[in-house]
Amino acid sequence: MLDELIIIGGLMFRLLISVVSLFCIFQPLQASISCDPQLRPVLTTIRQLPEACELINTALKDGPIRIEVNKSLEADFGAFWGLDNRTIFVNCGNRKDAGEIIGSVIFELHNAVATRELKRLDNLAASGKINKSSYVREVEYVEYCNSLKASEIVTKGIKQGFYPREAYLPVYSSFEEHFDVQKKYGHSAWIAKNFDEIMWESGQYRPRH
């Protein structure tokens, strides 16, 4: 009888620890993320996976995050991480289901975690310490690494039954393959345009005489 009570007590203690851990994971999210009503079901689904909650909490260490429906010129892309206003813009117009949006948001959350590195590259551009081709390649490499991490989390969520199969994020076997595809479909050109804007705002461009 005593042994049974000890076993039951141990199980209840483990359950209590699990509940407390989940509360600690979810609590910061509720206070620090502002989400468009249209995207709240997506965020709720993402939060079902503990690893995704850890990712969100890591991103929140640098400040609050907003998730909004994309109404900007970047609508050609599924989602976009805005460094300056710490906002994930999601393009719902060309999305067939919530699964694709789940994958996009998880990827952009990794970009949010990489904000300091992305800003470092922006600062190098603003100070004239990196050329356009190197800047584009470095930013694409950051995003390639993030795609691998995001795919790992999404795959785990699918296997555990939290995410639909449509959330799956395919990845390329090498950075060079990834880079070639990004150049082909205009993503690298968009990064190059961002480089030009940084250079212009910093006064690095000089008129020709």
Protein backbone atom coordinates (compact mmCIF):
# COMPACT_ATOMS: atom_id res chain seq x y z
CA MET A 1 0.00 0.00 0.00
CA LEU A 2 2.78 2.38 0.93
CA ASP A 3 4.64 1.59 -2.29
CA GLU A 4 1.50 2.34 -4.32
CA LEU A 5 1.06 5.69 -2.57
CA ILE A 6 4.69 6.57 -3.28
CA ILE A 7 4.24 5.71 -6.97
CA ILE A 8 1.00 7.71 -7.21
CA GLY A 9 2.62 10.63 -5.39
CA GLY A 10 5.54 10.58 -7.81
CA LEU A 11 3.24 10.56 -10.83
CA MET A 12 1.22 13.48 -9.45
CA PHE A 13 4.43 15.42 -8.80
CA ARG A 14 5.58 14.87 -12.39
CA LEU A 15 2.17 15.96 -13.66
CA LEU A 16 2.38 19.11 -11.55
CA ILE A 17 5.83 19.90 -12.93
CA SER A 18 4.54 19.41 -16.48
CA VAL A 19 1.62 21.76 -15.89
CA VAL A 20 3.88 24.40 -14.35
CA SER A 21 6.31 24.07 -17.26
CA LEU A 22 3.53 24.56 -19.78
CA PHE A 23 2.28 27.60 -17.89
CA CYS A 24 5.77 29.10 -17.95
CA ILE A 25 6.01 28.44 -21.67
CA PHE A 26 2.67 29.96 -22.60
CA GLN A 27 2.46 32.88 -20.20
CA PRO A 28 5.04 35.18 -21.87
CA LEU A 29 3.40 34.54 -25.24
CA GLN A 30 0.00 35.81 -24.10
CA ALA A 31 1.50 39.06 -22.86
CA SER A 32 3.97 39.76 -25.65
CA ILE A 33 2.45 38.80 -28.99
CA SER A 34 -0.21 40.84 -30.74
CA CYS A 35 -1.95 38.80 -33.43
CA ASP A 36 -4.44 39.74 -36.13
CA PRO A 37 -7.81 38.06 -35.37
CA GLN A 38 -7.67 36.32 -38.75
CA LEU A 39 -4.40 34.61 -37.75
CA ARG A 40 -5.17 33.72 -34.14
CA PRO A 41 -6.24 30.13 -34.96
CA VAL A 42 -2.87 29.65 -36.67
CA LEU A 43 -0.99 30.94 -33.64
CA THR A 44 -3.05 28.71 -31.34
CA THR A 45 -2.12 25.68 -33.44
CA ILE A 46 1.56 26.62 -33.49
CA ARG A 47 1.59 26.90 -29.70
CA GLN A 48 0.56 23.26 -29.28
CA LEU A 49 4.14 22.15 -29.90
CA PRO A 50 6.48 22.84 -26.93
CA GLU A 51 9.47 23.41 -29.22
CA ALA A 52 7.52 26.11 -31.06
CA CYS A 53 6.72 27.80 -27.74
CA GLU A 54 10.41 27.78 -26.87
CA LEU A 55 11.15 29.36 -30.26
CA ILE A 56 8.59 32.09 -29.61
CA ASN A 57 9.96 32.80 -26.15
CA THR A 58 13.46 33.10 -27.60
CA ALA A 59 12.22 35.60 -30.18
CA LEU A 60 10.42 37.57 -27.48
CA LYS A 61 13.64 38.16 -25.56
CA ASP A 62 14.42 41.02 -27.95
CA GLY A 63 10.98 42.60 -27.58
CA PRO A 64 7.27 42.20 -28.39
CA ILE A 65 6.17 40.70 -31.71
CA ARG A 66 3.16 41.40 -33.87
CA ILE A 67 1.63 39.06 -36.44
CA GLU A 68 -0.46 40.84 -39.07
CA VAL A 69 -2.06 40.18 -42.42
CA ASN A 70 0.26 41.48 -45.13
CA LYS A 71 -1.02 44.56 -46.93
CA SER A 72 2.34 45.78 -48.22
CA LEU A 73 4.25 45.48 -51.48
CA GLU A 74 5.89 42.28 -50.26
CA ALA A 75 2.67 40.38 -51.01
CA ASP A 76 4.58 38.30 -53.57
CA PHE A 77 6.05 36.35 -50.64
CA GLY A 78 4.19 34.09 -48.24
CA ALA A 79 5.35 36.00 -45.19
CA PHE A 80 7.83 38.70 -44.24
CA TRP A 81 9.69 39.64 -41.05
CA GLY A 82 9.89 43.40 -40.48
CA LEU A 83 13.06 44.11 -38.50
CA ASP A 84 12.25 47.66 -37.48
CA ASN A 85 8.69 47.17 -36.24
CA ARG A 86 9.18 43.53 -35.17
CA THR A 87 6.19 42.36 -37.17
CA ILE A 88 5.53 39.16 -39.10
CA PHE A 89 3.43 40.10 -42.10
CA VAL A 90 1.51 37.13 -43.54
CA ASN A 91 0.13 37.07 -47.07
CA CYS A 92 -3.18 35.22 -46.80
CA GLY A 93 -4.32 36.05 -50.33
CA ASN A 94 -2.55 33.20 -52.11
CA ARG A 95 -2.81 30.69 -49.29
CA LYS A 96 -5.00 27.59 -49.80
CA ASP A 97 -5.14 26.56 -46.15
CA ALA A 98 -3.88 27.26 -42.65
CA GLY A 99 -1.14 24.64 -42.95
CA GLU A 100 0.94 26.72 -45.32
CA ILE A 101 0.54 29.75 -43.08
CA ILE A 102 1.71 27.73 -40.07
CA GLY A 103 4.93 26.84 -41.90
CA SER A 104 5.48 30.43 -43.00
CA VAL A 105 4.99 31.87 -39.51
CA ILE A 106 7.35 29.35 -37.92
CA PHE A 107 10.00 30.21 -40.51
CA GLU A 108 9.59 33.95 -39.87
CA LEU A 109 9.84 33.35 -36.13
CA HIS A 110 13.32 31.98 -36.82
CA ASN A 111 14.08 35.15 -38.77
CA ALA A 112 12.90 37.08 -35.72
CA VAL A 113 15.42 35.18 -33.58
CA ALA A 114 18.10 36.09 -36.15
CA THR A 115 17.26 39.81 -35.98
CA ARG A 116 20.59 40.81 -34.44
CA GLU A 117 22.55 39.07 -37.20
CA LEU A 118 20.37 40.60 -39.90
CA LYS A 119 20.79 44.05 -38.37
CA ARG A 120 24.54 43.48 -38.21
CA LEU A 121 24.54 42.92 -41.96
CA ASP A 122 22.40 46.04 -42.45
CA ASN A 123 24.89 48.05 -40.42
CA LEU A 124 27.77 46.74 -42.53
CA ALA A 125 25.91 47.89 -45.64
CA ALA A 126 25.16 51.29 -44.14
CA SER A 127 28.82 51.81 -43.30
CA GLY A 128 30.05 50.64 -46.71
CA LYS A 129 31.82 47.61 -45.26
CA ILE A 130 30.09 45.01 -47.42
CA ASN A 131 29.24 45.01 -51.12
CA LYS A 132 25.85 44.15 -52.59
CA SER A 133 26.63 40.61 -53.75
CA SER A 134 28.16 39.66 -50.40
CA TYR A 135 25.25 41.22 -48.52
CA VAL A 136 22.70 39.29 -50.56
CA ARG A 137 24.60 36.04 -50.11
CA GLU A 138 24.98 36.52 -46.33
CA VAL A 139 21.29 37.32 -45.83
CA GLU A 140 20.28 34.34 -47.94
CA TYR A 141 22.57 32.11 -45.87
CA VAL A 142 20.94 33.28 -42.64
CA GLU A 143 17.54 32.47 -44.10
CA TYR A 144 18.76 29.10 -45.40
CA CYS A 145 19.86 28.11 -41.90
CA ASN A 146 16.52 29.30 -40.57
CA SER A 147 14.68 27.21 -43.14
CA LEU A 148 16.44 24.07 -41.86
CA LYS A 149 15.51 24.85 -38.26
CA ALA A 150 11.93 25.74 -39.17
CA SER A 151 11.51 22.56 -41.20
CA GLU A 152 12.71 20.48 -38.26
CA ILE A 153 10.12 22.01 -35.92
CA VAL A 154 7.29 21.74 -38.44
CA THR A 155 8.13 18.12 -39.21
CA LYS A 156 8.05 17.30 -35.51
CA GLY A 157 4.68 19.03 -35.18
CA ILE A 158 3.28 17.03 -38.09
CA LYS A 159 4.57 13.71 -36.72
CA GLN A 160 3.04 14.44 -33.31
CA GLY A 161 -0.31 15.31 -34.86
CA PHE A 162 -0.31 19.01 -33.92
CA TYR A 163 0.16 20.42 -37.43
CA PRO A 164 -1.49 19.43 -40.73
CA ARG A 165 0.62 17.89 -43.48
CA GLU A 166 0.23 21.08 -45.51
CA ALA A 167 2.50 22.85 -43.02
CA TYR A 168 5.50 20.84 -44.25
CA LEU A 169 8.49 22.98 -45.22
CA PRO A 170 10.71 21.45 -47.93
CA VAL A 171 14.39 22.34 -47.74
CA TYR A 172 17.31 22.15 -50.14
CA SER A 173 20.23 19.79 -49.68
CA SER A 174 22.79 22.60 -49.88
CA PHE A 175 23.00 26.35 -49.54
CA GLU A 176 24.10 26.74 -53.15
CA GLU A 177 20.96 24.99 -54.37
CA HIS A 178 18.86 27.17 -52.07
CA PHE A 179 20.64 30.30 -53.29
CA ASP A 180 20.09 29.43 -56.95
CA VAL A 181 16.36 29.02 -56.40
CA GLN A 182 16.10 32.29 -54.47
CA LYS A 183 17.83 34.11 -57.32
CA LYS A 184 15.58 32.47 -59.89
CA TYR A 185 12.34 33.47 -58.18
CA GLY A 186 13.26 37.02 -57.24
CA HIS A 187 13.91 36.73 -53.51
CA SER A 188 17.58 37.65 -53.87
CA ALA A 189 16.62 40.61 -56.05
CA TRP A 190 14.37 41.84 -53.26
CA ILE A 191 17.30 41.59 -50.81
CA ALA A 192 19.48 43.50 -53.28
CA LYS A 193 16.82 46.21 -53.42
CA ASN A 194 16.90 46.41 -49.64
CA PHE A 195 20.68 46.86 -49.83
CA ASP A 196 20.21 49.77 -52.25
CA GLU A 197 17.72 51.41 -49.91
CA ILE A 198 20.10 51.07 -46.96
CA MET A 199 22.92 52.59 -48.98
CA TRP A 200 20.73 55.48 -50.11
CA GLU A 201 19.46 56.25 -46.61
CA SER A 202 22.99 56.15 -45.20
CA GLY A 203 24.33 58.51 -47.87
CA GLN A 204 26.67 55.90 -49.36
CA TYR A 205 25.41 56.59 -52.88
CA ARG A 206 27.03 59.57 -54.57
CA PRO A 207 25.75 61.27 -57.76
CA ARG A 208 27.96 60.83 -60.81
CA HIS A 209 29.41 63.95 -62.48
